[in-house]
Amino acid sequence: MNFSGGIGARYAAGGYERTYGFPVFAETAITGGAMQKFRTISGGYTAFYWTPAHHRTHTVWENGAIGGGVTQIFRTSTGAETVYTWSPSAGTHTLNGRGAIYAHWRNTGFTSVYGYPVSDEVHVGNGVYEVKFSLGKSIAWSSSSGVLVK
């Protein structure tokens, strides 16, 4: 294990196997970075995720509620909001936190109905914005048609 790399350094700083257990497999490349899983003696798993874009390593206790994914909202001083979502299978994607697509997703079942975004909220043409979700549905919006679930 490379203890000077992002994942190895975080593993060392956190107390090595006393905290995180032993490696399940070697550090492996994933879209946007690298990851590695560790298993404690009691059977719990912690996944380490590192990305060169952020130069940080994040850990996820996979036996906990956040193991399936996470959503975080960032607000600028002007009030604009960007929603960042992350899940192990879909990676990180963004939505307009003040937009109709995010509101519809949040208010009509959230991850239990749609899963996590597998695309960013993007303009697909003719004033239509769309986000694709991991459970196979898409939510689109335009000023002329409103929200449309595909």
C-alpha atoms as a PDB file:
ATOM      1  CA  MET A   1       0.000   0.000   0.000  1.00  0.00           C
ATOM      2  CA  ASN A   2       1.274   3.479  -0.887  1.00  0.00           C
ATOM      3  CA  PHE A   3       0.968   5.424   2.385  1.00  0.00           C
ATOM      4  CA  SER A   4       1.994   8.687   0.709  1.00  0.00           C
ATOM      5  CA  GLY A   5      -0.930   8.508  -1.762  1.00  0.00           C
ATOM      6  CA  GLY A   6      -4.375   9.889  -0.978  1.00  0.00           C
ATOM      7  CA  ILE A   7      -6.015   6.648   0.132  1.00  0.00           C
ATOM      8  CA  GLY A   8      -2.956   5.263   1.948  1.00  0.00           C
ATOM      9  CA  ALA A   9      -2.344   8.534   3.793  1.00  0.00           C
ATOM     10  CA  ARG A  10      -5.990   8.697   4.954  1.00  0.00           C
ATOM     11  CA  TYR A  11      -5.827   5.044   6.063  1.00  0.00           C
ATOM     12  CA  ALA A  12      -2.655   5.752   8.053  1.00  0.00           C
ATOM     13  CA  ALA A  13      -3.957   9.008   9.569  1.00  0.00           C
ATOM     14  CA  GLY A  14      -7.145   7.261  10.675  1.00  0.00           C
ATOM     15  CA  GLY A  15      -5.407   4.502  12.592  1.00  0.00           C
ATOM     16  CA  TYR A  16      -4.744   1.845   9.964  1.00  0.00           C
ATOM     17  CA  GLU A  17      -6.480  -1.501  10.570  1.00  0.00           C
ATOM     18  CA  ARG A  18      -7.452  -0.545  14.154  1.00  0.00           C
ATOM     19  CA  THR A  19     -10.062   1.809  12.678  1.00  0.00           C
ATOM     20  CA  TYR A  20     -10.746   0.645   9.142  1.00  0.00           C
ATOM     21  CA  GLY A  21      -9.788  -3.029   9.126  1.00  0.00           C
ATOM     22  CA  PHE A  22      -7.814  -4.741   6.397  1.00  0.00           C
ATOM     23  CA  PRO A  23      -7.857  -4.133   2.626  1.00  0.00           C
ATOM     24  CA  VAL A  24     -10.433  -6.171   0.717  1.00  0.00           C
ATOM     25  CA  PHE A  25      -8.649  -5.489  -2.579  1.00  0.00           C
ATOM     26  CA  ALA A  26      -5.883  -3.246  -3.880  1.00  0.00           C
ATOM     27  CA  GLU A  27      -6.497   0.403  -4.731  1.00  0.00           C
ATOM     28  CA  THR A  28      -8.251   0.475  -8.088  1.00  0.00           C
ATOM     29  CA  ALA A  29      -8.988   3.137 -10.679  1.00  0.00           C
ATOM     30  CA  ILE A  30     -12.604   4.260 -11.071  1.00  0.00           C
ATOM     31  CA  THR A  31     -14.159   7.007 -13.189  1.00  0.00           C
ATOM     32  CA  GLY A  32     -12.771  10.265 -11.841  1.00  0.00           C
ATOM     33  CA  GLY A  33     -10.239   8.814  -9.404  1.00  0.00           C
ATOM     34  CA  ALA A  34      -9.508   5.754  -7.302  1.00  0.00           C
ATOM     35  CA  MET A  35     -11.105   3.677  -4.564  1.00  0.00           C
ATOM     36  CA  GLN A  36     -10.333   0.895  -2.140  1.00  0.00           C
ATOM     37  CA  LYS A  37     -12.413  -1.017   0.416  1.00  0.00           C
ATOM     38  CA  PHE A  38     -11.456  -2.182   3.890  1.00  0.00           C
ATOM     39  CA  ARG A  39     -13.206  -4.722   6.139  1.00  0.00           C
ATOM     40  CA  THR A  40     -13.167  -4.714   9.922  1.00  0.00           C
ATOM     41  CA  ILE A  41     -13.012  -7.908  11.971  1.00  0.00           C
ATOM     42  CA  SER A  42     -16.693  -7.396  12.846  1.00  0.00           C
ATOM     43  CA  GLY A  43     -17.588  -7.467   9.138  1.00  0.00           C
ATOM     44  CA  GLY A  44     -18.156  -3.766   8.433  1.00  0.00           C
ATOM     45  CA  TYR A  45     -16.882  -2.134   5.251  1.00  0.00           C
ATOM     46  CA  THR A  46     -15.386   1.300   4.667  1.00  0.00           C
ATOM     47  CA  ALA A  47     -14.856   2.519   1.114  1.00  0.00           C
ATOM     48  CA  PHE A  48     -12.197   5.142   0.429  1.00  0.00           C
ATOM     49  CA  TYR A  49     -12.693   7.406  -2.606  1.00  0.00           C
ATOM     50  CA  TRP A  50     -10.037   9.761  -3.983  1.00  0.00           C
ATOM     51  CA  THR A  51     -10.187  12.181  -6.905  1.00  0.00           C
ATOM     52  CA  PRO A  52      -7.373  14.288  -8.383  1.00  0.00           C
ATOM     53  CA  ALA A  53      -9.855  17.091  -9.042  1.00  0.00           C
ATOM     54  CA  HIS A  54     -10.302  17.657  -5.284  1.00  0.00           C
ATOM     55  CA  HIS A  55      -7.091  16.122  -3.897  1.00  0.00           C
ATOM     56  CA  ARG A  56      -9.081  14.664  -1.021  1.00  0.00           C
ATOM     57  CA  THR A  57      -9.998  11.212   0.162  1.00  0.00           C
ATOM     58  CA  HIS A  58     -13.525  10.619   1.410  1.00  0.00           C
ATOM     59  CA  THR A  59     -14.582   7.593   3.399  1.00  0.00           C
ATOM     60  CA  VAL A  60     -17.992   5.952   3.403  1.00  0.00           C
ATOM     61  CA  TRP A  61     -19.059   3.503   6.113  1.00  0.00           C
ATOM     62  CA  GLU A  62     -20.963   1.178   3.806  1.00  0.00           C
ATOM     63  CA  ASN A  63     -22.966  -0.446   6.587  1.00  0.00           C
ATOM     64  CA  GLY A  64     -24.515   2.927   7.430  1.00  0.00           C
ATOM     65  CA  ALA A  65     -27.296   4.893   5.774  1.00  0.00           C
ATOM     66  CA  ILE A  66     -24.924   6.988   3.685  1.00  0.00           C
ATOM     67  CA  GLY A  67     -23.425   3.868   2.108  1.00  0.00           C
ATOM     68  CA  GLY A  68     -25.953   4.150  -0.718  1.00  0.00           C
ATOM     69  CA  GLY A  69     -25.262   7.761  -1.615  1.00  0.00           C
ATOM     70  CA  VAL A  70     -25.291  11.344  -0.453  1.00  0.00           C
ATOM     71  CA  THR A  71     -26.729  14.697  -1.487  1.00  0.00           C
ATOM     72  CA  GLN A  72     -25.302  18.072  -0.478  1.00  0.00           C
ATOM     73  CA  ILE A  73     -26.441  21.604  -1.380  1.00  0.00           C
ATOM     74  CA  PHE A  74     -24.111  24.571  -1.822  1.00  0.00           C
ATOM     75  CA  ARG A  75     -25.511  28.111  -1.839  1.00  0.00           C
ATOM     76  CA  THR A  76     -23.741  31.197  -3.206  1.00  0.00           C
ATOM     77  CA  SER A  77     -24.005  34.658  -1.683  1.00  0.00           C
ATOM     78  CA  THR A  78     -26.514  35.525  -4.449  1.00  0.00           C
ATOM     79  CA  GLY A  79     -28.823  32.662  -3.409  1.00  0.00           C
ATOM     80  CA  ALA A  80     -28.081  30.305  -6.316  1.00  0.00           C
ATOM     81  CA  GLU A  81     -27.961  26.678  -5.214  1.00  0.00           C
ATOM     82  CA  THR A  82     -26.153  23.704  -6.707  1.00  0.00           C
ATOM     83  CA  VAL A  83     -27.073  20.225  -5.525  1.00  0.00           C
ATOM     84  CA  TYR A  84     -24.263  17.669  -5.627  1.00  0.00           C
ATOM     85  CA  THR A  85     -25.238  14.018  -5.500  1.00  0.00           C
ATOM     86  CA  TRP A  86     -22.932  11.059  -5.176  1.00  0.00           C
ATOM     87  CA  SER A  87     -23.470   7.329  -5.194  1.00  0.00           C
ATOM     88  CA  PRO A  88     -21.001   4.477  -5.666  1.00  0.00           C
ATOM     89  CA  SER A  89     -22.606   3.372  -8.932  1.00  0.00           C
ATOM     90  CA  ALA A  90     -23.313   6.790 -10.486  1.00  0.00           C
ATOM     91  CA  GLY A  91     -20.502   9.018  -9.232  1.00  0.00           C
ATOM     92  CA  THR A  92     -21.023  12.753  -8.671  1.00  0.00           C
ATOM     93  CA  HIS A  93     -23.583  14.837 -10.574  1.00  0.00           C
ATOM     94  CA  THR A  94     -25.070  18.323 -10.197  1.00  0.00           C
ATOM     95  CA  LEU A  95     -28.572  19.797 -10.353  1.00  0.00           C
ATOM     96  CA  ASN A  96     -29.966  23.304 -10.033  1.00  0.00           C
ATOM     97  CA  GLY A  97     -31.056  23.444  -6.387  1.00  0.00           C
ATOM     98  CA  ARG A  98     -33.671  26.111  -7.170  1.00  0.00           C
ATOM     99  CA  GLY A  99     -34.950  24.317 -10.265  1.00  0.00           C
ATOM    100  CA  ALA A 100     -38.086  22.345 -11.037  1.00  0.00           C
ATOM    101  CA  ILE A 101     -36.224  19.095 -11.764  1.00  0.00           C
ATOM    102  CA  TYR A 102     -34.645  18.969  -8.306  1.00  0.00           C
ATOM    103  CA  ALA A 103     -37.937  19.989  -6.648  1.00  0.00           C
ATOM    104  CA  HIS A 104     -39.846  17.253  -8.488  1.00  0.00           C
ATOM    105  CA  TRP A 105     -37.214  14.612  -7.653  1.00  0.00           C
ATOM    106  CA  ARG A 106     -37.160  15.632  -3.981  1.00  0.00           C
ATOM    107  CA  ASN A 107     -40.946  15.895  -3.605  1.00  0.00           C
ATOM    108  CA  THR A 108     -42.081  12.797  -5.506  1.00  0.00           C
ATOM    109  CA  GLY A 109     -40.096   9.968  -4.030  1.00  0.00           C
ATOM    110  CA  PHE A 110     -36.480  11.121  -4.245  1.00  0.00           C
ATOM    111  CA  THR A 111     -34.069   8.163  -4.413  1.00  0.00           C
ATOM    112  CA  SER A 112     -36.735   5.542  -3.658  1.00  0.00           C
ATOM    113  CA  VAL A 113     -38.558   6.320  -6.944  1.00  0.00           C
ATOM    114  CA  TYR A 114     -35.816   7.621  -9.242  1.00  0.00           C
ATOM    115  CA  GLY A 115     -32.519   6.520  -7.697  1.00  0.00           C
ATOM    116  CA  TYR A 116     -29.522   8.837  -7.973  1.00  0.00           C
ATOM    117  CA  PRO A 117     -28.710  11.073 -10.957  1.00  0.00           C
ATOM    118  CA  VAL A 118     -26.472   9.422 -13.552  1.00  0.00           C
ATOM    119  CA  SER A 119     -26.117  12.684 -15.501  1.00  0.00           C
ATOM    120  CA  ASP A 120     -25.793  16.343 -14.628  1.00  0.00           C
ATOM    121  CA  GLU A 121     -28.737  18.647 -15.239  1.00  0.00           C
ATOM    122  CA  VAL A 122     -28.052  19.741 -18.805  1.00  0.00           C
ATOM    123  CA  HIS A 123     -29.693  21.761 -21.566  1.00  0.00           C
ATOM    124  CA  VAL A 124     -30.654  19.233 -24.263  1.00  0.00           C
ATOM    125  CA  GLY A 125     -32.049  21.788 -26.743  1.00  0.00           C
ATOM    126  CA  ASN A 126     -35.170  23.843 -27.416  1.00  0.00           C
ATOM    127  CA  GLY A 127     -35.223  25.187 -23.853  1.00  0.00           C
ATOM    128  CA  VAL A 128     -35.435  21.680 -22.351  1.00  0.00           C
ATOM    129  CA  TYR A 129     -33.276  20.656 -19.370  1.00  0.00           C
ATOM    130  CA  GLU A 130     -32.943  17.025 -18.327  1.00  0.00           C
ATOM    131  CA  VAL A 131     -31.463  14.705 -15.693  1.00  0.00           C
ATOM    132  CA  LYS A 132     -31.241  10.917 -16.077  1.00  0.00           C
ATOM    133  CA  PHE A 133     -31.576   8.712 -12.990  1.00  0.00           C
ATOM    134  CA  SER A 134     -30.201   5.317 -11.963  1.00  0.00           C
ATOM    135  CA  LEU A 135     -33.594   3.588 -11.812  1.00  0.00           C
ATOM    136  CA  GLY A 136     -34.133   4.238 -15.531  1.00  0.00           C
ATOM    137  CA  LYS A 137     -36.274   7.376 -15.526  1.00  0.00           C
ATOM    138  CA  SER A 138     -35.480  10.918 -16.656  1.00  0.00           C
ATOM    139  CA  ILE A 139     -36.960  14.181 -15.448  1.00  0.00           C
ATOM    140  CA  ALA A 140     -37.099  16.993 -17.990  1.00  0.00           C
ATOM    141  CA  TRP A 141     -38.286  20.587 -17.715  1.00  0.00           C
ATOM    142  CA  SER A 142     -38.993  23.474 -20.050  1.00  0.00           C
ATOM    143  CA  SER A 143     -40.712  26.807 -19.465  1.00  0.00           C
ATOM    144  CA  SER A 144     -43.380  25.897 -22.032  1.00  0.00           C
ATOM    145  CA  SER A 145     -44.166  22.357 -20.813  1.00  0.00           C
ATOM    146  CA  GLY A 146     -43.121  22.275 -17.173  1.00  0.00           C
ATOM    147  CA  VAL A 147     -41.913  19.000 -15.664  1.00  0.00           C
ATOM    148  CA  LEU A 148     -42.057  15.829 -17.749  1.00  0.00           C
ATOM    149  CA  VAL A 149     -41.085  12.366 -16.464  1.00  0.00           C
ATOM    150  CA  LYS A 150     -39.806  10.012 -19.158  1.00  0.00           C
END
